[in-house]
Amino acid sequence: MTLSLNIGNLFNDSSTHALVDELRKRTSEGDILDFEEKFNSRNEKNLHIYICKFLKNRSISRGLASRWLMTIIESKESKIDALQKLNN
């Protein structure tokens, strides 16, 4: 199954299941960050918003959500640190 990365305002059960399946498939840090970048470039809301909604609704496990959120947050922090070093 191919997931259309453009979720837009419509987020039905089918697209929810497809996105959760995509999250489960990607296990390496590189895969996670590549998927996040593609997803965020094609959707109104960023991936971390959907992950948090899934977590709140118990659509995904805490382990899966934490792995994705930690990877995304650590990547963002690393980019911020690199930019701060350039400015100093």
PDB file of N, CA and C in Angstrom:
ATOM      1  N   MET A   1       0.843  -1.174   0.000  1.00  0.00           N
ATOM      2  CA  MET A   1       0.000   0.000   0.000  1.00  0.00           C
ATOM      3  C   MET A   1       0.886   1.234   0.000  1.00  0.00           C
ATOM      4  N   THR A   2       0.535   2.170  -0.819  1.00  0.00           N
ATOM      5  CA  THR A   2       1.250   3.437  -0.882  1.00  0.00           C
ATOM      6  C   THR A   2       0.469   4.477  -0.107  1.00  0.00           C
ATOM      7  N   LEU A   3       1.168   5.182   0.740  1.00  0.00           N
ATOM      8  CA  LEU A   3       0.536   6.234   1.535  1.00  0.00           C
ATOM      9  C   LEU A   3       0.681   7.560   0.816  1.00  0.00           C
ATOM     10  N   SER A   4      -0.431   8.205   0.590  1.00  0.00           N
ATOM     11  CA  SER A   4      -0.382   9.558   0.068  1.00  0.00           C
ATOM     12  C   SER A   4       0.028  10.450   1.228  1.00  0.00           C
ATOM     13  N   LEU A   5       1.139  11.122   1.071  1.00  0.00           N
ATOM     14  CA  LEU A   5       1.655  11.929   2.166  1.00  0.00           C
ATOM     15  C   LEU A   5       0.872  13.208   2.379  1.00  0.00           C
ATOM     16  N   ASN A   6      -0.010  13.550   1.444  1.00  0.00           N
ATOM     17  CA  ASN A   6      -0.793  14.764   1.601  1.00  0.00           C
ATOM     18  C   ASN A   6      -2.078  14.439   2.347  1.00  0.00           C
ATOM     19  N   ILE A   7      -2.040  14.547   3.655  1.00  0.00           N
ATOM     20  CA  ILE A   7      -3.179  14.223   4.503  1.00  0.00           C
ATOM     21  C   ILE A   7      -4.199  15.356   4.472  1.00  0.00           C
ATOM     22  N   GLY A   8      -3.725  16.603   4.489  1.00  0.00           N
ATOM     23  CA  GLY A   8      -4.614  17.753   4.438  1.00  0.00           C
ATOM     24  C   GLY A   8      -5.560  17.807   5.621  1.00  0.00           C
ATOM     25  N   ASN A   9      -6.738  18.336   5.399  1.00  0.00           N
ATOM     26  CA  ASN A   9      -7.730  18.465   6.464  1.00  0.00           C
ATOM     27  C   ASN A   9      -8.502  17.181   6.693  1.00  0.00           C
ATOM     28  N   LEU A  10      -8.495  16.296   5.707  1.00  0.00           N
ATOM     29  CA  LEU A  10      -9.235  15.049   5.833  1.00  0.00           C
ATOM     30  C   LEU A  10      -8.337  13.991   6.457  1.00  0.00           C
ATOM     31  N   PHE A  11      -8.733  13.486   7.562  1.00  0.00           N
ATOM     32  CA  PHE A  11      -7.943  12.472   8.247  1.00  0.00           C
ATOM     33  C   PHE A  11      -8.903  11.415   8.733  1.00  0.00           C
ATOM     34  N   ASN A  12      -9.172  10.434   7.862  1.00  0.00           N
ATOM     35  CA  ASN A  12     -10.126   9.391   8.199  1.00  0.00           C
ATOM     36  C   ASN A  12      -9.421   8.171   8.776  1.00  0.00           C
ATOM     37  N   ASP A  13     -10.208   7.158   9.119  1.00  0.00           N
ATOM     38  CA  ASP A  13      -9.633   5.954   9.720  1.00  0.00           C
ATOM     39  C   ASP A  13      -8.625   5.285   8.801  1.00  0.00           C
ATOM     40  N   SER A  14      -8.910   5.264   7.518  1.00  0.00           N
ATOM     41  CA  SER A  14      -8.022   4.621   6.560  1.00  0.00           C
ATOM     42  C   SER A  14      -6.661   5.324   6.512  1.00  0.00           C
ATOM     43  N   SER A  15      -6.675   6.645   6.436  1.00  0.00           N
ATOM     44  CA  SER A  15      -5.404   7.373   6.391  1.00  0.00           C
ATOM     45  C   SER A  15      -4.679   7.304   7.734  1.00  0.00           C
ATOM     46  N   THR A  16      -5.435   7.247   8.823  1.00  0.00           N
ATOM     47  CA  THR A  16      -4.821   7.091  10.142  1.00  0.00           C
ATOM     48  C   THR A  16      -4.079   5.771  10.220  1.00  0.00           C
ATOM     49  N   HIS A  17      -4.725   4.700   9.809  1.00  0.00           N
ATOM     50  CA  HIS A  17      -4.094   3.375   9.842  1.00  0.00           C
ATOM     51  C   HIS A  17      -2.873   3.326   8.919  1.00  0.00           C
ATOM     52  N   ALA A  18      -3.004   3.944   7.744  1.00  0.00           N
ATOM     53  CA  ALA A  18      -1.894   3.959   6.802  1.00  0.00           C
ATOM     54  C   ALA A  18      -0.697   4.715   7.378  1.00  0.00           C
ATOM     55  N   LEU A  19      -0.948   5.845   8.030  1.00  0.00           N
ATOM     56  CA  LEU A  19       0.142   6.617   8.619  1.00  0.00           C
ATOM     57  C   LEU A  19       0.779   5.852   9.770  1.00  0.00           C
ATOM     58  N   VAL A  20      -0.013   5.232  10.611  1.00  0.00           N
ATOM     59  CA  VAL A  20       0.535   4.440  11.720  1.00  0.00           C
ATOM     60  C   VAL A  20       1.383   3.296  11.167  1.00  0.00           C
ATOM     61  N   ASP A  21       0.922   2.659  10.098  1.00  0.00           N
ATOM     62  CA  ASP A  21       1.708   1.591   9.466  1.00  0.00           C
ATOM     63  C   ASP A  21       3.044   2.127   8.965  1.00  0.00           C
ATOM     64  N   GLU A  22       3.018   3.321   8.377  1.00  0.00           N
ATOM     65  CA  GLU A  22       4.258   3.928   7.903  1.00  0.00           C
ATOM     66  C   GLU A  22       5.196   4.223   9.070  1.00  0.00           C
ATOM     67  N   LEU A  23       4.664   4.685  10.182  1.00  0.00           N
ATOM     68  CA  LEU A  23       5.493   4.967  11.359  1.00  0.00           C
ATOM     69  C   LEU A  23       6.144   3.683  11.870  1.00  0.00           C
ATOM     70  N   ARG A  24       5.393   2.607  11.874  1.00  0.00           N
ATOM     71  CA  ARG A  24       5.918   1.326  12.364  1.00  0.00           C
ATOM     72  C   ARG A  24       6.998   0.763  11.456  1.00  0.00           C
ATOM     73  N   LYS A  25       6.886   1.005  10.158  1.00  0.00           N
ATOM     74  CA  LYS A  25       7.845   0.466   9.182  1.00  0.00           C
ATOM     75  C   LYS A  25       9.230   1.063   9.333  1.00  0.00           C
ATOM     76  N   ARG A  26       9.279   2.312   9.667  1.00  0.00           N
ATOM     77  CA  ARG A  26      10.562   3.016   9.689  1.00  0.00           C
ATOM     78  C   ARG A  26      11.190   2.914  11.073  1.00  0.00           C
ATOM     79  N   THR A  27      12.347   2.295  11.102  1.00  0.00           N
ATOM     80  CA  THR A  27      12.977   2.048  12.395  1.00  0.00           C
ATOM     81  C   THR A  27      14.302   2.778  12.564  1.00  0.00           C
ATOM     82  N   SER A  28      14.987   3.069  11.476  1.00  0.00           N
ATOM     83  CA  SER A  28      16.273   3.755  11.624  1.00  0.00           C
ATOM     84  C   SER A  28      16.057   5.257  11.730  1.00  0.00           C
ATOM     85  N   GLU A  29      16.999   5.927  12.349  1.00  0.00           N
ATOM     86  CA  GLU A  29      16.915   7.374  12.523  1.00  0.00           C
ATOM     87  C   GLU A  29      16.815   8.078  11.179  1.00  0.00           C
ATOM     88  N   GLY A  30      17.611   7.628  10.216  1.00  0.00           N
ATOM     89  CA  GLY A  30      17.578   8.242   8.888  1.00  0.00           C
ATOM     90  C   GLY A  30      16.228   8.091   8.214  1.00  0.00           C
ATOM     91  N   ASP A  31      15.640   6.898   8.306  1.00  0.00           N
ATOM     92  CA  ASP A  31      14.314   6.669   7.724  1.00  0.00           C
ATOM     93  C   ASP A  31      13.259   7.544   8.379  1.00  0.00           C
ATOM     94  N   ILE A  32      13.340   7.649   9.682  1.00  0.00           N
ATOM     95  CA  ILE A  32      12.375   8.464  10.429  1.00  0.00           C
ATOM     96  C   ILE A  32      12.471   9.925  10.001  1.00  0.00           C
ATOM     97  N   LEU A  33      13.679  10.449   9.941  1.00  0.00           N
ATOM     98  CA  LEU A  33      13.866  11.863   9.596  1.00  0.00           C
ATOM     99  C   LEU A  33      13.521  12.141   8.136  1.00  0.00           C
ATOM    100  N   ASP A  34      13.823  11.193   7.244  1.00  0.00           N
ATOM    101  CA  ASP A  34      13.432  11.361   5.835  1.00  0.00           C
ATOM    102  C   ASP A  34      11.922  11.403   5.692  1.00  0.00           C
ATOM    103  N   PHE A  35      11.244  10.487   6.375  1.00  0.00           N
ATOM    104  CA  PHE A  35       9.780  10.458   6.304  1.00  0.00           C
ATOM    105  C   PHE A  35       9.191  11.741   6.881  1.00  0.00           C
ATOM    106  N   GLU A  36       9.743  12.192   8.008  1.00  0.00           N
ATOM    107  CA  GLU A  36       9.238  13.426   8.629  1.00  0.00           C
ATOM    108  C   GLU A  36       9.374  14.612   7.675  1.00  0.00           C
ATOM    109  N   GLU A  37      10.519  14.716   7.030  1.00  0.00           N
ATOM    110  CA  GLU A  37      10.752  15.830   6.107  1.00  0.00           C
ATOM    111  C   GLU A  37       9.755  15.796   4.945  1.00  0.00           C
ATOM    112  N   LYS A  38       9.563  14.629   4.348  1.00  0.00           N
ATOM    113  CA  LYS A  38       8.605  14.497   3.240  1.00  0.00           C
ATOM    114  C   LYS A  38       7.186  14.798   3.710  1.00  0.00           C
ATOM    115  N   PHE A  39       6.820  14.259   4.858  1.00  0.00           N
ATOM    116  CA  PHE A  39       5.478  14.452   5.389  1.00  0.00           C
ATOM    117  C   PHE A  39       5.222  15.925   5.663  1.00  0.00           C
ATOM    118  N   ASN A  40       6.152  16.580   6.342  1.00  0.00           N
ATOM    119  CA  ASN A  40       5.976  17.989   6.712  1.00  0.00           C
ATOM    120  C   ASN A  40       5.928  18.908   5.488  1.00  0.00           C
ATOM    121  N   SER A  41       6.622  18.532   4.421  1.00  0.00           N
ATOM    122  CA  SER A  41       6.629  19.372   3.225  1.00  0.00           C
ATOM    123  C   SER A  41       5.321  19.275   2.450  1.00  0.00           C
ATOM    124  N   ARG A  42       4.532  18.239   2.714  1.00  0.00           N
ATOM    125  CA  ARG A  42       3.310  18.014   1.934  1.00  0.00           C
ATOM    126  C   ARG A  42       2.024  18.145   2.739  1.00  0.00           C
ATOM    127  N   ASN A  43       2.126  18.492   3.994  1.00  0.00           N
ATOM    128  CA  ASN A  43       0.936  18.550   4.838  1.00  0.00           C
ATOM    129  C   ASN A  43       0.861  19.857   5.600  1.00  0.00           C
ATOM    130  N   GLU A  44      -0.354  20.208   5.938  1.00  0.00           N
ATOM    131  CA  GLU A  44      -0.622  21.452   6.653  1.00  0.00           C
ATOM    132  C   GLU A  44      -0.023  21.436   8.057  1.00  0.00           C
ATOM    133  N   LYS A  45      -0.151  20.302   8.742  1.00  0.00           N
ATOM    134  CA  LYS A  45       0.384  20.159  10.098  1.00  0.00           C
ATOM    135  C   LYS A  45       1.588  19.232  10.075  1.00  0.00           C
ATOM    136  N   ASN A  46       2.535  19.510  10.940  1.00  0.00           N
ATOM    137  CA  ASN A  46       3.733  18.687  11.014  1.00  0.00           C
ATOM    138  C   ASN A  46       3.449  17.323  11.628  1.00  0.00           C
ATOM    139  N   LEU A  47       4.312  16.380  11.318  1.00  0.00           N
ATOM    140  CA  LEU A  47       4.141  14.998  11.741  1.00  0.00           C
ATOM    141  C   LEU A  47       4.039  14.865  13.253  1.00  0.00           C
ATOM    142  N   HIS A  48       4.815  15.649  13.996  1.00  0.00           N
ATOM    143  CA  HIS A  48       4.783  15.507  15.449  1.00  0.00           C
ATOM    144  C   HIS A  48       3.401  15.804  16.025  1.00  0.00           C
ATOM    145  N   ILE A  49       2.625  16.651  15.355  1.00  0.00           N
ATOM    146  CA  ILE A  49       1.250  16.936  15.796  1.00  0.00           C
ATOM    147  C   ILE A  49       0.405  15.667  15.689  1.00  0.00           C
ATOM    148  N   TYR A  50       0.531  14.966  14.570  1.00  0.00           N
ATOM    149  CA  TYR A  50      -0.231  13.730  14.383  1.00  0.00           C
ATOM    150  C   TYR A  50       0.211  12.647  15.361  1.00  0.00           C
ATOM    151  N   ILE A  51       1.509  12.561  15.596  1.00  0.00           N
ATOM    152  CA  ILE A  51       2.013  11.563  16.552  1.00  0.00           C
ATOM    153  C   ILE A  51       1.429  11.833  17.933  1.00  0.00           C
ATOM    154  N   CYS A  52       1.397  13.084  18.335  1.00  0.00           N
ATOM    155  CA  CYS A  52       0.822  13.432  19.642  1.00  0.00           C
ATOM    156  C   CYS A  52      -0.669  13.111  19.693  1.00  0.00           C
ATOM    157  N   LYS A  53      -1.391  13.376  18.598  1.00  0.00           N
ATOM    158  CA  LYS A  53      -2.818  13.035  18.551  1.00  0.00           C
ATOM    159  C   LYS A  53      -3.012  11.530  18.641  1.00  0.00           C
ATOM    160  N   PHE A  54      -2.180  10.768  17.925  1.00  0.00           N
ATOM    161  CA  PHE A  54      -2.260   9.307  17.990  1.00  0.00           C
ATOM    162  C   PHE A  54      -1.997   8.819  19.406  1.00  0.00           C
ATOM    163  N   LEU A  55      -1.034   9.424  20.048  1.00  0.00           N
ATOM    164  CA  LEU A  55      -0.696   9.040  21.416  1.00  0.00           C
ATOM    165  C   LEU A  55      -1.851   9.361  22.358  1.00  0.00           C
ATOM    166  N   LYS A  56      -2.425  10.526  22.216  1.00  0.00           N
ATOM    167  CA  LYS A  56      -3.557  10.929  23.050  1.00  0.00           C
ATOM    168  C   LYS A  56      -4.744   9.985  22.860  1.00  0.00           C
ATOM    169  N   ASN A  57      -4.996   9.601  21.598  1.00  0.00           N
ATOM    170  CA  ASN A  57      -6.119   8.712  21.290  1.00  0.00           C
ATOM    171  C   ASN A  57      -5.779   7.230  21.449  1.00  0.00           C
ATOM    172  N   ARG A  58      -4.555   6.958  21.871  1.00  0.00           N
ATOM    173  CA  ARG A  58      -4.072   5.592  22.054  1.00  0.00           C
ATOM    174  C   ARG A  58      -4.098   4.783  20.760  1.00  0.00           C
ATOM    175  N   SER A  59      -3.817   5.465  19.654  1.00  0.00           N
ATOM    176  CA  SER A  59      -3.749   4.804  18.351  1.00  0.00           C
ATOM    177  C   SER A  59      -2.392   4.151  18.124  1.00  0.00           C
ATOM    178  N   ILE A  60      -1.382   4.614  18.853  1.00  0.00           N
ATOM    179  CA  ILE A  60      -0.045   4.019  18.762  1.00  0.00           C
ATOM    180  C   ILE A  60       0.483   3.810  20.174  1.00  0.00           C
ATOM    181  N   SER A  61       1.482   2.957  20.266  1.00  0.00           N
ATOM    182  CA  SER A  61       2.055   2.667  21.580  1.00  0.00           C
ATOM    183  C   SER A  61       2.919   3.827  22.060  1.00  0.00           C
ATOM    184  N   ARG A  62       3.104   3.889  23.351  1.00  0.00           N
ATOM    185  CA  ARG A  62       3.985   4.919  23.923  1.00  0.00           C
ATOM    186  C   ARG A  62       5.413   4.728  23.439  1.00  0.00           C
ATOM    187  N   GLY A  63       5.810   3.468  23.263  1.00  0.00           N
ATOM    188  CA  GLY A  63       7.173   3.188  22.796  1.00  0.00           C
ATOM    189  C   GLY A  63       7.410   3.721  21.393  1.00  0.00           C
ATOM    190  N   LEU A  64       6.462   3.476  20.495  1.00  0.00           N
ATOM    191  CA  LEU A  64       6.589   3.961  19.120  1.00  0.00           C
ATOM    192  C   LEU A  64       6.577   5.486  19.092  1.00  0.00           C
ATOM    193  N   ALA A  65       5.653   6.078  19.800  1.00  0.00           N
ATOM    194  CA  ALA A  65       5.566   7.545  19.837  1.00  0.00           C
ATOM    195  C   ALA A  65       6.841   8.149  20.415  1.00  0.00           C
ATOM    196  N   SER A  66       7.342   7.566  21.490  1.00  0.00           N
ATOM    197  CA  SER A  66       8.539   8.139  22.112  1.00  0.00           C
ATOM    198  C   SER A  66       9.752   7.999  21.201  1.00  0.00           C
ATOM    199  N   ARG A  67       9.866   6.879  20.486  1.00  0.00           N
ATOM    200  CA  ARG A  67      11.001   6.706  19.573  1.00  0.00           C
ATOM    201  C   ARG A  67      10.968   7.771  18.487  1.00  0.00           C
ATOM    202  N   TRP A  68       9.788   7.988  17.887  1.00  0.00           N
ATOM    203  CA  TRP A  68       9.665   8.991  16.841  1.00  0.00           C
ATOM    204  C   TRP A  68       9.877  10.396  17.377  1.00  0.00           C
ATOM    205  N   LEU A  69       9.230  10.724  18.479  1.00  0.00           N
ATOM    206  CA  LEU A  69       9.353  12.085  19.013  1.00  0.00           C
ATOM    207  C   LEU A  69      10.771  12.382  19.477  1.00  0.00           C
ATOM    208  N   MET A  70      11.425  11.411  20.110  1.00  0.00           N
ATOM    209  CA  MET A  70      12.811  11.631  20.551  1.00  0.00           C
ATOM    210  C   MET A  70      13.728  11.836  19.350  1.00  0.00           C
ATOM    211  N   THR A  71      13.537  11.064  18.301  1.00  0.00           N
ATOM    212  CA  THR A  71      14.358  11.215  17.094  1.00  0.00           C
ATOM    213  C   THR A  71      14.156  12.593  16.479  1.00  0.00           C
ATOM    214  N   ILE A  72      12.904  13.004  16.367  1.00  0.00           N
ATOM    215  CA  ILE A  72      12.589  14.313  15.781  1.00  0.00           C
ATOM    216  C   ILE A  72      13.148  15.442  16.644  1.00  0.00           C
ATOM    217  N   ILE A  73      12.947  15.361  17.951  1.00  0.00           N
ATOM    218  CA  ILE A  73      13.408  16.415  18.859  1.00  0.00           C
ATOM    219  C   ILE A  73      14.931  16.492  18.877  1.00  0.00           C
ATOM    220  N   GLU A  74      15.605  15.349  18.958  1.00  0.00           N
ATOM    221  CA  GLU A  74      17.071  15.341  18.977  1.00  0.00           C
ATOM    222  C   GLU A  74      17.632  15.931  17.685  1.00  0.00           C
ATOM    223  N   SER A  75      16.988  15.647  16.569  1.00  0.00           N
ATOM    224  CA  SER A  75      17.428  16.208  15.289  1.00  0.00           C
ATOM    225  C   SER A  75      17.284  17.729  15.291  1.00  0.00           C
ATOM    226  N   LYS A  76      16.147  18.203  15.771  1.00  0.00           N
ATOM    227  CA  LYS A  76      15.916  19.657  15.822  1.00  0.00           C
ATOM    228  C   LYS A  76      16.921  20.331  16.756  1.00  0.00           C
ATOM    229  N   GLU A  77      17.169  19.713  17.914  1.00  0.00           N
ATOM    230  CA  GLU A  77      18.132  20.281  18.868  1.00  0.00           C
ATOM    231  C   GLU A  77      19.538  20.312  18.277  1.00  0.00           C
ATOM    232  N   SER A  78      19.886  19.280  17.545  1.00  0.00           N
ATOM    233  CA  SER A  78      21.197  19.230  16.909  1.00  0.00           C
ATOM    234  C   SER A  78      21.351  20.350  15.880  1.00  0.00           C
ATOM    235  N   LYS A  79      20.307  20.604  15.114  1.00  0.00           N
ATOM    236  CA  LYS A  79      20.343  21.688  14.132  1.00  0.00           C
ATOM    237  C   LYS A  79      20.442  23.042  14.817  1.00  0.00           C
ATOM    238  N   ILE A  80      19.722  23.213  15.906  1.00  0.00           N
ATOM    239  CA  ILE A  80      19.771  24.472  16.662  1.00  0.00           C
ATOM    240  C   ILE A  80      21.169  24.684  17.236  1.00  0.00           C
ATOM    241  N   ASP A  81      21.759  23.641  17.824  1.00  0.00           N
ATOM    242  CA  ASP A  81      23.118  23.746  18.368  1.00  0.00           C
ATOM    243  C   ASP A  81      24.116  24.120  17.293  1.00  0.00           C
ATOM    244  N   ALA A  82      23.990  23.511  16.109  1.00  0.00           N
ATOM    245  CA  ALA A  82      24.903  23.812  15.012  1.00  0.00           C
ATOM    246  C   ALA A  82      24.774  25.275  14.575  1.00  0.00           C
ATOM    247  N   LEU A  83      23.539  25.768  14.517  1.00  0.00           N
ATOM    248  CA  LEU A  83      23.335  27.166  14.137  1.00  0.00           C
ATOM    249  C   LEU A  83      23.865  28.121  15.192  1.00  0.00           C
ATOM    250  N   GLN A  84      23.699  27.758  16.469  1.00  0.00           N
ATOM    251  CA  GLN A  84      24.215  28.605  17.533  1.00  0.00           C
ATOM    252  C   GLN A  84      25.725  28.666  17.511  1.00  0.00           C
ATOM    253  N   LYS A  85      26.384  27.559  17.177  1.00  0.00           N
ATOM    254  CA  LYS A  85      27.844  27.558  17.094  1.00  0.00           C
ATOM    255  C   LYS A  85      28.331  28.434  15.939  1.00  0.00           C
ATOM    256  N   LEU A  86      27.553  28.454  14.864  1.00  0.00           N
ATOM    257  CA  LEU A  86      27.925  29.311  13.731  1.00  0.00           C
ATOM    258  C   LEU A  86      27.837  30.784  14.079  1.00  0.00           C
ATOM    259  N   ASN A  87      26.873  31.126  14.940  1.00  0.00           N
ATOM    260  CA  ASN A  87      26.662  32.521  15.322  1.00  0.00           C
ATOM    261  C   ASN A  87      27.627  32.998  16.393  1.00  0.00           C
ATOM    262  N   ASN A  88      28.322  32.113  17.040  1.00  0.00           N
ATOM    263  CA  ASN A  88      29.264  32.515  18.112  1.00  0.00           C
ATOM    264  C   ASN A  88      30.651  32.737  17.601  1.00  0.00           C
TER     265      ASN A  88
END
